[in-house]
Amino acid sequence: MANDYKLELQLSAVSAELQRDMLALEDRVGKVVNRAVVKLTRWLRTHSVREISQEIGIAQKALKQRFRVERVKVGGQEHVRIWVGLMNVALHHLSKPSQTKAGAKVGGQVYEGAFLEQIYGSTEKVYIRTARNRSAGHATVADREGRTNKQPDRAFLDKSGGRFPVQVVAEEIEPVARKVLERYELRLNSRYQTILQQELNYALNVNTA
């Protein structure tokens, strides 16, 4: 009778099975991270837009489309960049304007010297003549970013006597919006960790399929 006993373990089979499990787990974690990032940006957009709109007194819909998210690698590490546009918001995007003798009225505020007109394109906007705005001091935006309007509406030119150029009147949001976003930036990492932990718990303990 043999005085020894030999055990043999098929490492290749066990290793292959473990490797498959690890790949499946890696794929699941990747999806968890993606969901956490989506929820984080949704949280940031919802709450910051609400605060900005309340502080400035403009409609939330004028701000919601100003958020962009991209994932980049810096020094071999993945980063999520959240871009928020803080350009001035054209008045016709805030609420329906109306004309008064003093100027255009938008959301209860009268913009002295401004007027409603369809000059470039078919959308009625709130304009002010550049010369007039030197004294009025209204915030403005470029009517078409990066383009020069060489052929304005002929009917308006005739009616206005060729008193050009004009500017699109806007509402400035940058100072207030920046302060709101700076407050939320301090909370981003902590909020992301909370959301990520919730998603991991759900993926590993609840959604095991």
N, C-alpha and C. Protein backbone atom coordinates (compact mmCIF):
# COMPACT_ATOMS: atom_id res chain seq x y z
N MET A 1 0.85 -1.20 0.00
CA MET A 1 0.00 0.00 0.00
C MET A 1 0.88 1.24 0.00
N ALA A 2 0.56 2.17 -0.89
CA ALA A 2 1.37 3.39 -1.02
C ALA A 2 1.35 4.19 0.26
N ASN A 3 2.51 4.75 0.59
CA ASN A 3 2.60 5.54 1.82
C ASN A 3 2.54 7.06 1.56
N ASP A 4 1.94 7.40 0.44
CA ASP A 4 1.70 8.83 0.19
C ASP A 4 0.38 9.01 -0.54
N TYR A 5 -0.03 10.25 -0.64
CA TYR A 5 -1.32 10.55 -1.28
C TYR A 5 -1.14 11.84 -2.08
N LYS A 6 -1.46 11.81 -3.30
CA LYS A 6 -1.25 12.95 -4.17
C LYS A 6 -2.58 13.58 -4.56
N LEU A 7 -2.66 14.89 -4.37
CA LEU A 7 -3.85 15.64 -4.80
C LEU A 7 -3.47 16.52 -5.98
N GLU A 8 -4.37 16.67 -6.90
CA GLU A 8 -4.09 17.47 -8.09
C GLU A 8 -5.23 18.44 -8.34
N LEU A 9 -4.89 19.71 -8.51
CA LEU A 9 -5.89 20.76 -8.75
C LEU A 9 -5.71 21.30 -10.17
N GLN A 10 -6.77 21.34 -10.91
CA GLN A 10 -6.72 21.83 -12.28
C GLN A 10 -6.78 23.36 -12.26
N LEU A 11 -5.62 23.97 -12.14
CA LEU A 11 -5.55 25.43 -12.02
C LEU A 11 -6.07 26.14 -13.26
N SER A 12 -5.82 25.59 -14.40
CA SER A 12 -6.24 26.26 -15.63
C SER A 12 -7.75 26.44 -15.68
N ALA A 13 -8.48 25.41 -15.28
CA ALA A 13 -9.94 25.50 -15.30
C ALA A 13 -10.44 26.52 -14.28
N VAL A 14 -9.86 26.47 -13.05
CA VAL A 14 -10.26 27.41 -12.01
C VAL A 14 -9.91 28.84 -12.41
N SER A 15 -8.70 29.02 -12.95
CA SER A 15 -8.26 30.35 -13.35
C SER A 15 -9.13 30.91 -14.47
N ALA A 16 -9.49 30.08 -15.40
CA ALA A 16 -10.32 30.53 -16.51
C ALA A 16 -11.69 30.98 -16.02
N GLU A 17 -12.23 30.19 -15.07
CA GLU A 17 -13.54 30.55 -14.51
C GLU A 17 -13.45 31.86 -13.73
N LEU A 18 -12.37 32.03 -12.96
CA LEU A 18 -12.18 33.26 -12.20
C LEU A 18 -12.01 34.45 -13.14
N GLN A 19 -11.28 34.22 -14.21
CA GLN A 19 -11.06 35.29 -15.18
C GLN A 19 -12.37 35.74 -15.81
N ARG A 20 -13.23 34.79 -16.11
CA ARG A 20 -14.54 35.12 -16.66
C ARG A 20 -15.36 35.92 -15.66
N ASP A 21 -15.30 35.51 -14.39
CA ASP A 21 -16.03 36.23 -13.34
C ASP A 21 -15.50 37.65 -13.17
N MET A 22 -14.17 37.80 -13.25
CA MET A 22 -13.57 39.12 -13.09
C MET A 22 -13.95 40.03 -14.26
N LEU A 23 -13.97 39.47 -15.46
CA LEU A 23 -14.37 40.27 -16.62
C LEU A 23 -15.82 40.71 -16.50
N ALA A 24 -16.67 39.78 -16.03
CA ALA A 24 -18.07 40.12 -15.84
C ALA A 24 -18.23 41.20 -14.79
N LEU A 25 -17.43 41.09 -13.70
CA LEU A 25 -17.49 42.10 -12.63
C LEU A 25 -16.98 43.44 -13.13
N GLU A 26 -15.91 43.41 -13.93
CA GLU A 26 -15.36 44.65 -14.48
C GLU A 26 -16.38 45.35 -15.37
N ASP A 27 -17.07 44.56 -16.16
CA ASP A 27 -18.10 45.12 -17.03
C ASP A 27 -19.23 45.72 -16.21
N ARG A 28 -19.61 45.04 -15.14
CA ARG A 28 -20.68 45.54 -14.27
C ARG A 28 -20.27 46.82 -13.56
N VAL A 29 -19.03 46.87 -13.08
CA VAL A 29 -18.54 48.07 -12.41
C VAL A 29 -18.48 49.24 -13.39
N GLY A 30 -18.07 48.97 -14.64
CA GLY A 30 -18.03 50.02 -15.65
C GLY A 30 -19.40 50.63 -15.88
N LYS A 31 -20.42 49.77 -15.92
CA LYS A 31 -21.79 50.26 -16.10
C LYS A 31 -22.25 51.04 -14.87
N VAL A 32 -21.82 50.59 -13.70
CA VAL A 32 -22.16 51.30 -12.46
C VAL A 32 -21.58 52.72 -12.48
N VAL A 33 -20.32 52.83 -12.88
CA VAL A 33 -19.66 54.14 -12.96
C VAL A 33 -20.40 55.04 -13.95
N ASN A 34 -20.77 54.50 -15.09
CA ASN A 34 -21.49 55.30 -16.09
C ASN A 34 -22.81 55.82 -15.53
N ARG A 35 -23.55 54.94 -14.84
CA ARG A 35 -24.83 55.37 -14.26
C ARG A 35 -24.62 56.43 -13.19
N ALA A 36 -23.55 56.26 -12.40
CA ALA A 36 -23.26 57.23 -11.34
C ALA A 36 -22.93 58.60 -11.93
N VAL A 37 -22.17 58.62 -13.02
CA VAL A 37 -21.82 59.89 -13.66
C VAL A 37 -23.07 60.56 -14.22
N VAL A 38 -23.93 59.78 -14.86
CA VAL A 38 -25.17 60.33 -15.41
C VAL A 38 -26.03 60.94 -14.29
N LYS A 39 -26.15 60.22 -13.19
CA LYS A 39 -26.97 60.71 -12.08
C LYS A 39 -26.35 61.94 -11.43
N LEU A 40 -25.01 61.96 -11.38
CA LEU A 40 -24.33 63.12 -10.79
C LEU A 40 -24.58 64.38 -11.62
N THR A 41 -24.42 64.28 -12.93
CA THR A 41 -24.62 65.45 -13.79
C THR A 41 -26.09 65.88 -13.79
N ARG A 42 -26.99 64.91 -13.70
CA ARG A 42 -28.42 65.24 -13.62
C ARG A 42 -28.72 65.98 -12.32
N TRP A 43 -28.11 65.52 -11.23
CA TRP A 43 -28.27 66.19 -9.94
C TRP A 43 -27.73 67.61 -10.00
N LEU A 44 -26.54 67.78 -10.57
CA LEU A 44 -25.93 69.10 -10.66
C LEU A 44 -26.79 70.04 -11.51
N ARG A 45 -27.23 69.55 -12.66
CA ARG A 45 -28.02 70.39 -13.56
C ARG A 45 -29.34 70.80 -12.92
N THR A 46 -30.03 69.84 -12.33
CA THR A 46 -31.34 70.12 -11.75
C THR A 46 -31.25 71.16 -10.65
N HIS A 47 -30.35 70.96 -9.70
CA HIS A 47 -30.29 71.84 -8.53
C HIS A 47 -29.64 73.18 -8.82
N SER A 48 -28.56 73.18 -9.62
CA SER A 48 -27.90 74.46 -9.91
C SER A 48 -28.77 75.33 -10.80
N VAL A 49 -29.44 74.73 -11.79
CA VAL A 49 -30.33 75.49 -12.67
C VAL A 49 -31.47 76.10 -11.86
N ARG A 50 -32.00 75.34 -10.92
CA ARG A 50 -33.09 75.84 -10.08
C ARG A 50 -32.63 77.05 -9.28
N GLU A 51 -31.44 76.97 -8.70
CA GLU A 51 -30.94 78.09 -7.89
C GLU A 51 -30.63 79.31 -8.75
N ILE A 52 -29.99 79.08 -9.89
CA ILE A 52 -29.65 80.20 -10.77
C ILE A 52 -30.91 80.91 -11.25
N SER A 53 -31.90 80.13 -11.67
CA SER A 53 -33.14 80.72 -12.18
C SER A 53 -33.86 81.51 -11.10
N GLN A 54 -33.83 81.01 -9.88
CA GLN A 54 -34.49 81.71 -8.78
C GLN A 54 -33.77 83.01 -8.43
N GLU A 55 -32.44 82.97 -8.41
CA GLU A 55 -31.68 84.16 -8.02
C GLU A 55 -31.73 85.24 -9.08
N ILE A 56 -31.74 84.83 -10.35
CA ILE A 56 -31.76 85.82 -11.43
C ILE A 56 -33.19 86.17 -11.84
N GLY A 57 -34.09 85.21 -11.66
CA GLY A 57 -35.47 85.44 -12.06
C GLY A 57 -35.73 85.14 -13.52
N ILE A 58 -35.09 84.07 -14.04
CA ILE A 58 -35.33 83.67 -15.43
C ILE A 58 -35.82 82.23 -15.46
N ALA A 59 -36.40 81.85 -16.59
CA ALA A 59 -36.97 80.51 -16.73
C ALA A 59 -35.87 79.45 -16.76
N GLN A 60 -36.13 78.30 -16.13
CA GLN A 60 -35.14 77.22 -16.09
C GLN A 60 -34.83 76.67 -17.48
N LYS A 61 -35.81 76.67 -18.36
CA LYS A 61 -35.60 76.08 -19.69
C LYS A 61 -34.52 76.80 -20.48
N ALA A 62 -34.25 78.07 -20.13
CA ALA A 62 -33.21 78.82 -20.84
C ALA A 62 -31.81 78.38 -20.43
N LEU A 63 -31.71 77.60 -19.35
CA LEU A 63 -30.41 77.20 -18.82
C LEU A 63 -30.12 75.71 -18.97
N LYS A 64 -31.15 74.89 -19.05
CA LYS A 64 -30.96 73.44 -18.99
C LYS A 64 -30.08 72.89 -20.11
N GLN A 65 -30.14 73.51 -21.28
CA GLN A 65 -29.38 72.99 -22.41
C GLN A 65 -27.93 73.47 -22.42
N ARG A 66 -27.51 74.13 -21.37
CA ARG A 66 -26.16 74.70 -21.34
C ARG A 66 -25.15 73.79 -20.64
N PHE A 67 -25.53 72.59 -20.34
CA PHE A 67 -24.63 71.65 -19.67
C PHE A 67 -24.11 70.63 -20.67
N ARG A 68 -22.80 70.42 -20.65
CA ARG A 68 -22.16 69.41 -21.49
C ARG A 68 -21.21 68.58 -20.63
N VAL A 69 -21.16 67.28 -20.89
CA VAL A 69 -20.32 66.37 -20.10
C VAL A 69 -19.39 65.61 -21.03
N GLU A 70 -18.11 65.52 -20.66
CA GLU A 70 -17.16 64.72 -21.43
C GLU A 70 -16.23 63.99 -20.46
N ARG A 71 -15.80 62.80 -20.88
CA ARG A 71 -14.87 62.01 -20.08
C ARG A 71 -13.54 61.96 -20.81
N VAL A 72 -12.49 62.39 -20.12
CA VAL A 72 -11.16 62.47 -20.74
C VAL A 72 -10.14 61.81 -19.83
N LYS A 73 -8.98 61.47 -20.39
CA LYS A 73 -7.88 60.90 -19.61
C LYS A 73 -6.78 61.94 -19.49
N VAL A 74 -6.37 62.20 -18.26
CA VAL A 74 -5.30 63.15 -17.96
C VAL A 74 -4.24 62.41 -17.16
N GLY A 75 -3.04 62.27 -17.73
CA GLY A 75 -1.97 61.54 -17.04
C GLY A 75 -2.32 60.10 -16.77
N GLY A 76 -3.10 59.49 -17.68
CA GLY A 76 -3.49 58.10 -17.51
C GLY A 76 -4.69 57.89 -16.61
N GLN A 77 -5.21 58.96 -16.02
CA GLN A 77 -6.36 58.85 -15.12
C GLN A 77 -7.60 59.47 -15.78
N GLU A 78 -8.73 58.82 -15.57
CA GLU A 78 -9.97 59.29 -16.19
C GLU A 78 -10.58 60.43 -15.38
N HIS A 79 -11.00 61.47 -16.09
CA HIS A 79 -11.65 62.61 -15.48
C HIS A 79 -12.99 62.86 -16.17
N VAL A 80 -13.92 63.41 -15.42
CA VAL A 80 -15.19 63.84 -15.99
C VAL A 80 -15.22 65.37 -15.94
N ARG A 81 -15.40 65.98 -17.09
CA ARG A 81 -15.48 67.43 -17.17
C ARG A 81 -16.91 67.84 -17.45
N ILE A 82 -17.41 68.75 -16.66
CA ILE A 82 -18.77 69.25 -16.82
C ILE A 82 -18.65 70.71 -17.25
N TRP A 83 -19.06 70.98 -18.46
CA TRP A 83 -18.99 72.34 -19.01
C TRP A 83 -20.36 73.00 -18.89
N VAL A 84 -20.37 74.23 -18.39
CA VAL A 84 -21.62 74.98 -18.25
C VAL A 84 -21.46 76.33 -18.94
N GLY A 85 -22.30 76.59 -19.92
CA GLY A 85 -22.24 77.86 -20.64
C GLY A 85 -22.82 79.00 -19.81
N LEU A 86 -22.05 80.06 -19.69
CA LEU A 86 -22.47 81.22 -18.88
C LEU A 86 -22.65 82.46 -19.73
N MET A 87 -22.80 82.29 -21.04
CA MET A 87 -23.02 83.43 -21.90
C MET A 87 -24.34 84.11 -21.57
N ASN A 88 -24.46 85.35 -21.96
CA ASN A 88 -25.70 86.07 -21.75
C ASN A 88 -26.86 85.36 -22.44
N VAL A 89 -28.05 85.44 -21.84
CA VAL A 89 -29.23 84.78 -22.40
C VAL A 89 -30.09 85.82 -23.11
N ALA A 90 -30.34 85.61 -24.39
CA ALA A 90 -31.18 86.53 -25.16
C ALA A 90 -32.57 86.60 -24.53
N LEU A 91 -33.13 87.81 -24.49
CA LEU A 91 -34.40 88.02 -23.80
C LEU A 91 -35.54 87.20 -24.38
N HIS A 92 -35.52 86.95 -25.69
CA HIS A 92 -36.64 86.22 -26.28
C HIS A 92 -36.64 84.75 -25.86
N HIS A 93 -35.55 84.29 -25.22
CA HIS A 93 -35.51 82.93 -24.69
C HIS A 93 -36.06 82.86 -23.26
N LEU A 94 -36.25 83.98 -22.62
CA LEU A 94 -36.66 83.99 -21.22
C LEU A 94 -38.17 83.91 -21.07
N SER A 95 -38.87 84.78 -21.73
CA SER A 95 -40.34 84.77 -21.73
C SER A 95 -40.81 85.60 -22.90
N LYS A 96 -42.08 85.57 -23.19
CA LYS A 96 -42.61 86.28 -24.36
C LYS A 96 -42.52 87.79 -24.15
N PRO A 97 -41.80 88.49 -25.02
CA PRO A 97 -41.66 89.93 -24.85
C PRO A 97 -42.87 90.68 -25.42
N SER A 98 -43.04 91.91 -24.98
CA SER A 98 -44.08 92.78 -25.51
C SER A 98 -43.50 94.18 -25.66
N GLN A 99 -44.15 94.99 -26.49
CA GLN A 99 -43.64 96.32 -26.77
C GLN A 99 -44.40 97.38 -25.98
N THR A 100 -43.68 98.29 -25.39
CA THR A 100 -44.26 99.45 -24.71
C THR A 100 -43.65 100.70 -25.32
N LYS A 101 -44.16 101.85 -24.93
CA LYS A 101 -43.61 103.10 -25.45
C LYS A 101 -42.16 103.31 -25.02
N ALA A 102 -41.85 102.87 -23.80
CA ALA A 102 -40.50 103.08 -23.27
C ALA A 102 -39.49 102.09 -23.83
N GLY A 103 -39.96 100.90 -24.21
CA GLY A 103 -39.05 99.86 -24.70
C GLY A 103 -39.71 98.51 -24.68
N ALA A 104 -38.93 97.46 -24.80
CA ALA A 104 -39.46 96.09 -24.77
C ALA A 104 -39.63 95.64 -23.32
N LYS A 105 -40.71 94.93 -23.08
CA LYS A 105 -41.00 94.43 -21.74
C LYS A 105 -40.89 92.92 -21.73
N VAL A 106 -40.06 92.40 -20.82
CA VAL A 106 -39.84 90.96 -20.72
C VAL A 106 -39.86 90.58 -19.25
N GLY A 107 -40.77 89.68 -18.89
CA GLY A 107 -40.84 89.20 -17.51
C GLY A 107 -41.04 90.30 -16.49
N GLY A 108 -41.82 91.30 -16.82
CA GLY A 108 -42.11 92.36 -15.87
C GLY A 108 -41.10 93.49 -15.87
N GLN A 109 -40.02 93.35 -16.62
CA GLN A 109 -39.00 94.39 -16.67
C GLN A 109 -38.99 95.05 -18.05
N VAL A 110 -38.92 96.39 -18.05
CA VAL A 110 -38.88 97.15 -19.29
C VAL A 110 -37.43 97.49 -19.63
N TYR A 111 -37.02 97.14 -20.85
CA TYR A 111 -35.67 97.44 -21.33
C TYR A 111 -35.76 98.68 -22.21
N GLU A 112 -35.38 99.79 -21.63
CA GLU A 112 -35.54 101.08 -22.26
C GLU A 112 -34.83 101.15 -23.62
N GLY A 113 -35.57 101.64 -24.62
CA GLY A 113 -35.00 101.81 -25.95
C GLY A 113 -35.00 100.57 -26.81
N ALA A 114 -35.37 99.43 -26.25
CA ALA A 114 -35.37 98.18 -27.02
C ALA A 114 -36.67 98.02 -27.79
N PHE A 115 -36.65 97.21 -28.82
CA PHE A 115 -37.84 97.01 -29.65
C PHE A 115 -37.88 95.58 -30.17
N LEU A 116 -39.08 95.15 -30.58
CA LEU A 116 -39.28 93.80 -31.12
C LEU A 116 -39.27 93.88 -32.64
N GLU A 117 -38.54 92.95 -33.24
CA GLU A 117 -38.49 92.95 -34.70
C GLU A 117 -37.94 91.61 -35.19
N GLN A 118 -38.34 91.25 -36.43
CA GLN A 118 -37.76 90.09 -37.13
C GLN A 118 -36.74 90.64 -38.12
N ILE A 119 -35.50 90.66 -37.73
CA ILE A 119 -34.46 91.26 -38.57
C ILE A 119 -33.66 90.19 -39.29
N TYR A 120 -33.10 89.27 -38.53
CA TYR A 120 -32.30 88.19 -39.12
C TYR A 120 -33.05 86.88 -38.89
N GLY A 121 -33.67 86.37 -39.94
CA GLY A 121 -34.43 85.13 -39.77
C GLY A 121 -35.88 85.42 -39.43
N SER A 122 -36.57 84.37 -38.99
CA SER A 122 -38.02 84.47 -38.78
C SER A 122 -38.41 84.65 -37.32
N THR A 123 -37.43 84.62 -36.41
CA THR A 123 -37.74 84.72 -34.99
C THR A 123 -37.77 86.17 -34.54
N GLU A 124 -38.84 86.56 -33.89
CA GLU A 124 -38.92 87.91 -33.35
C GLU A 124 -38.06 88.01 -32.10
N LYS A 125 -37.16 88.97 -32.09
CA LYS A 125 -36.23 89.13 -30.98
C LYS A 125 -36.31 90.56 -30.44
N VAL A 126 -35.65 90.74 -29.31
CA VAL A 126 -35.58 92.07 -28.70
C VAL A 126 -34.26 92.71 -29.12
N TYR A 127 -34.36 93.81 -29.84
CA TYR A 127 -33.17 94.51 -30.34
C TYR A 127 -33.06 95.90 -29.73
N ILE A 128 -31.85 96.45 -29.87
CA ILE A 128 -31.62 97.85 -29.56
C ILE A 128 -30.53 98.34 -30.50
N ARG A 129 -30.65 99.57 -30.94
CA ARG A 129 -29.62 100.12 -31.81
C ARG A 129 -28.35 100.31 -31.01
N THR A 130 -27.22 100.00 -31.62
CA THR A 130 -25.94 100.07 -30.93
C THR A 130 -25.68 101.45 -30.35
N ALA A 131 -25.98 102.48 -31.14
CA ALA A 131 -25.77 103.85 -30.66
C ALA A 131 -26.64 104.15 -29.44
N ARG A 132 -27.88 103.65 -29.47
CA ARG A 132 -28.81 103.88 -28.35
C ARG A 132 -28.34 103.13 -27.10
N ASN A 133 -27.75 101.97 -27.30
CA ASN A 133 -27.36 101.16 -26.14
C ASN A 133 -26.12 101.70 -25.43
N ARG A 134 -25.42 102.62 -26.05
CA ARG A 134 -24.28 103.22 -25.36
C ARG A 134 -24.72 103.94 -24.09
N SER A 135 -25.92 104.48 -24.13
CA SER A 135 -26.44 105.15 -22.94
C SER A 135 -27.34 104.24 -22.12
N ALA A 136 -28.06 103.30 -22.79
CA ALA A 136 -28.96 102.39 -22.07
C ALA A 136 -28.18 101.35 -21.27
N GLY A 137 -27.08 100.85 -21.85
CA GLY A 137 -26.22 99.92 -21.14
C GLY A 137 -26.79 98.52 -20.93
N HIS A 138 -27.63 98.05 -21.87
CA HIS A 138 -28.20 96.71 -21.74
C HIS A 138 -27.17 95.65 -22.14
N ALA A 139 -27.23 94.49 -21.48
CA ALA A 139 -26.40 93.36 -21.89
C ALA A 139 -26.88 92.87 -23.25
N THR A 140 -25.98 92.35 -24.08
CA THR A 140 -26.34 91.91 -25.42
C THR A 140 -25.64 90.59 -25.74
N VAL A 141 -26.10 89.96 -26.83
CA VAL A 141 -25.42 88.78 -27.37
C VAL A 141 -25.25 88.98 -28.87
N ALA A 142 -24.30 88.23 -29.46
CA ALA A 142 -24.15 88.27 -30.91
C ALA A 142 -25.36 87.60 -31.53
N ASP A 143 -25.94 88.23 -32.55
CA ASP A 143 -27.13 87.65 -33.17
C ASP A 143 -26.82 86.31 -33.80
N ARG A 144 -25.68 86.22 -34.45
CA ARG A 144 -25.22 84.94 -34.99
C ARG A 144 -23.75 84.84 -34.68
N GLU A 145 -23.41 83.96 -33.77
CA GLU A 145 -22.02 83.86 -33.31
C GLU A 145 -21.08 83.55 -34.46
N GLY A 146 -20.03 84.39 -34.57
CA GLY A 146 -19.02 84.13 -35.58
C GLY A 146 -19.38 84.58 -36.98
N ARG A 147 -20.54 85.26 -37.14
CA ARG A 147 -20.96 85.69 -38.46
C ARG A 147 -21.28 87.18 -38.46
N THR A 148 -21.10 87.81 -39.59
CA THR A 148 -21.47 89.21 -39.75
C THR A 148 -22.74 89.26 -40.57
N ASN A 149 -23.74 89.97 -40.07
CA ASN A 149 -25.02 90.05 -40.76
C ASN A 149 -24.95 91.14 -41.84
N LYS A 150 -24.70 90.70 -43.07
CA LYS A 150 -24.49 91.67 -44.15
C LYS A 150 -25.78 92.01 -44.88
N GLN A 151 -26.81 91.20 -44.74
CA GLN A 151 -28.04 91.46 -45.46
C GLN A 151 -29.24 91.41 -44.52
N PRO A 152 -29.41 92.41 -43.67
CA PRO A 152 -30.57 92.44 -42.78
C PRO A 152 -31.85 92.62 -43.57
N ASP A 153 -32.96 92.42 -42.89
CA ASP A 153 -34.27 92.49 -43.52
C ASP A 153 -34.48 93.85 -44.19
N ARG A 154 -34.81 93.84 -45.50
CA ARG A 154 -34.94 95.08 -46.28
C ARG A 154 -36.08 95.95 -45.77
N ALA A 155 -37.20 95.32 -45.41
CA ALA A 155 -38.35 96.09 -44.94
C ALA A 155 -38.01 96.84 -43.66
N PHE A 156 -37.27 96.18 -42.78
CA PHE A 156 -36.90 96.86 -41.54
C PHE A 156 -35.93 98.00 -41.82
N LEU A 157 -34.99 97.80 -42.75
CA LEU A 157 -34.05 98.85 -43.11
C LEU A 157 -34.79 100.08 -43.62
N ASP A 158 -35.78 99.85 -44.50
CA ASP A 158 -36.54 100.96 -45.05
C ASP A 158 -37.29 101.70 -43.95
N LYS A 159 -37.89 100.90 -43.03
CA LYS A 159 -38.70 101.49 -41.97
C LYS A 159 -37.85 102.25 -40.96
N SER A 160 -36.64 101.74 -40.71
CA SER A 160 -35.79 102.34 -39.69
C SER A 160 -34.87 103.42 -40.24
N GLY A 161 -34.93 103.63 -41.55
CA GLY A 161 -34.07 104.65 -42.13
C GLY A 161 -32.62 104.24 -42.18
N GLY A 162 -32.34 102.93 -42.08
CA GLY A 162 -30.98 102.45 -42.17
C GLY A 162 -30.15 102.73 -40.94
N ARG A 163 -30.81 102.93 -39.79
CA ARG A 163 -30.05 103.23 -38.57
C ARG A 163 -29.52 101.93 -37.96
N PHE A 164 -28.37 101.53 -38.41
CA PHE A 164 -27.75 100.28 -37.99
C PHE A 164 -26.37 100.57 -37.44
N PRO A 165 -25.70 99.65 -36.80
CA PRO A 165 -26.15 98.27 -36.54
C PRO A 165 -27.04 98.18 -35.30
N VAL A 166 -27.59 96.97 -35.09
CA VAL A 166 -28.41 96.71 -33.92
C VAL A 166 -27.80 95.56 -33.14
N GLN A 167 -28.23 95.38 -31.91
CA GLN A 167 -27.76 94.31 -31.05
C GLN A 167 -28.95 93.59 -30.44
N VAL A 168 -28.78 92.29 -30.17
CA VAL A 168 -29.81 91.51 -29.50
C VAL A 168 -29.66 91.73 -27.99
N VAL A 169 -30.71 92.19 -27.35
CA VAL A 169 -30.67 92.47 -25.92
C VAL A 169 -30.75 91.16 -25.14
N ALA A 170 -29.97 91.07 -24.07
CA ALA A 170 -29.87 89.82 -23.31
C ALA A 170 -29.86 90.12 -21.81
N GLU A 171 -29.85 89.05 -21.04
CA GLU A 171 -29.73 89.13 -19.58
C GLU A 171 -28.42 88.47 -19.18
N GLU A 172 -27.64 89.15 -18.37
CA GLU A 172 -26.35 88.62 -17.94
C GLU A 172 -26.55 87.62 -16.80
N ILE A 173 -25.94 86.45 -16.89
CA ILE A 173 -26.10 85.44 -15.85
C ILE A 173 -24.77 85.03 -15.22
N GLU A 174 -23.64 85.42 -15.83
CA GLU A 174 -22.34 84.89 -15.42
C GLU A 174 -22.00 85.11 -13.94
N PRO A 175 -22.11 86.32 -13.38
CA PRO A 175 -21.69 86.52 -11.98
C PRO A 175 -22.46 85.65 -10.99
N VAL A 176 -23.78 85.62 -11.14
CA VAL A 176 -24.61 84.83 -10.21
C VAL A 176 -24.41 83.34 -10.45
N ALA A 177 -24.43 82.93 -11.71
CA ALA A 177 -24.30 81.51 -12.03
C ALA A 177 -22.96 80.96 -11.57
N ARG A 178 -21.89 81.72 -11.72
CA ARG A 178 -20.57 81.25 -11.31
C ARG A 178 -20.53 80.98 -9.81
N LYS A 179 -21.11 81.85 -9.02
CA LYS A 179 -21.11 81.66 -7.57
C LYS A 179 -21.89 80.41 -7.17
N VAL A 180 -23.03 80.19 -7.83
CA VAL A 180 -23.83 79.00 -7.56
C VAL A 180 -23.04 77.74 -7.91
N LEU A 181 -22.41 77.73 -9.07
CA LEU A 181 -21.66 76.56 -9.52
C LEU A 181 -20.43 76.30 -8.65
N GLU A 182 -19.81 77.35 -8.18
CA GLU A 182 -18.66 77.18 -7.28
C GLU A 182 -19.08 76.49 -5.98
N ARG A 183 -20.27 76.81 -5.49
CA ARG A 183 -20.76 76.14 -4.28
C ARG A 183 -21.00 74.65 -4.55
N TYR A 184 -21.56 74.35 -5.72
CA TYR A 184 -21.83 72.94 -6.04
C TYR A 184 -20.55 72.17 -6.34
N GLU A 185 -19.54 72.86 -6.86
CA GLU A 185 -18.27 72.19 -7.16
C GLU A 185 -17.64 71.63 -5.89
N LEU A 186 -17.83 72.32 -4.77
CA LEU A 186 -17.28 71.85 -3.50
C LEU A 186 -17.96 70.55 -3.04
N ARG A 187 -19.14 70.28 -3.56
CA ARG A 187 -19.91 69.11 -3.14
C ARG A 187 -19.85 67.96 -4.14
N LEU A 188 -19.22 68.18 -5.29
CA LEU A 188 -19.27 67.19 -6.36
C LEU A 188 -18.68 65.84 -5.97
N ASN A 189 -17.46 65.83 -5.44
CA ASN A 189 -16.81 64.56 -5.10
C ASN A 189 -17.57 63.78 -4.05
N SER A 190 -18.03 64.49 -3.02
CA SER A 190 -18.79 63.84 -1.96
C SER A 190 -20.10 63.26 -2.51
N ARG A 191 -20.77 64.02 -3.35
CA ARG A 191 -22.03 63.55 -3.93
C ARG A 191 -21.80 62.36 -4.85
N TYR A 192 -20.71 62.41 -5.62
CA TYR A 192 -20.40 61.30 -6.52
C TYR A 192 -20.12 60.02 -5.75
N GLN A 193 -19.38 60.11 -4.65
CA GLN A 193 -19.10 58.94 -3.83
C GLN A 193 -20.38 58.32 -3.28
N THR A 194 -21.31 59.18 -2.87
CA THR A 194 -22.59 58.69 -2.35
C THR A 194 -23.38 57.95 -3.42
N ILE A 195 -23.47 58.57 -4.61
CA ILE A 195 -24.22 57.96 -5.71
C ILE A 195 -23.55 56.66 -6.16
N LEU A 196 -22.22 56.67 -6.25
CA LEU A 196 -21.48 55.49 -6.69
C LEU A 196 -21.68 54.33 -5.72
N GLN A 197 -21.65 54.61 -4.43
CA GLN A 197 -21.84 53.56 -3.43
C GLN A 197 -23.25 52.97 -3.54
N GLN A 198 -24.24 53.83 -3.76
CA GLN A 198 -25.61 53.35 -3.92
C GLN A 198 -25.74 52.45 -5.15
N GLU A 199 -25.12 52.85 -6.24
CA GLU A 199 -25.19 52.07 -7.47
C GLU A 199 -24.45 50.74 -7.32
N LEU A 200 -23.30 50.74 -6.64
CA LEU A 200 -22.56 49.50 -6.41
C LEU A 200 -23.35 48.53 -5.55
N ASN A 201 -23.96 49.05 -4.49
CA ASN A 201 -24.76 48.20 -3.60
C ASN A 201 -25.91 47.55 -4.38
N TYR A 202 -26.54 48.36 -5.24
CA TYR A 202 -27.66 47.82 -6.02
C TYR A 202 -27.19 46.76 -7.00
N ALA A 203 -26.06 47.05 -7.70
CA ALA A 203 -25.57 46.13 -8.73
C ALA A 203 -25.09 44.81 -8.13
N LEU A 204 -24.44 44.86 -6.93
CA LEU A 204 -23.83 43.66 -6.37
C LEU A 204 -24.78 42.89 -5.44
N ASN A 205 -25.75 43.58 -4.87
CA ASN A 205 -26.60 42.92 -3.87
C ASN A 205 -28.05 42.75 -4.30
N VAL A 206 -28.49 43.57 -5.23
CA VAL A 206 -29.90 43.50 -5.64
C VAL A 206 -30.02 43.00 -7.06
N ASN A 207 -29.42 43.70 -7.97
CA ASN A 207 -29.50 43.32 -9.39
C ASN A 207 -28.37 42.36 -9.72
N THR A 208 -28.51 41.12 -9.38
CA THR A 208 -27.45 40.12 -9.58
C THR A 208 -27.58 39.36 -10.89
N ALA A 209 -28.57 39.75 -11.66
CA ALA A 209 -28.79 39.04 -12.93
C ALA A 209 -27.72 39.38 -13.94
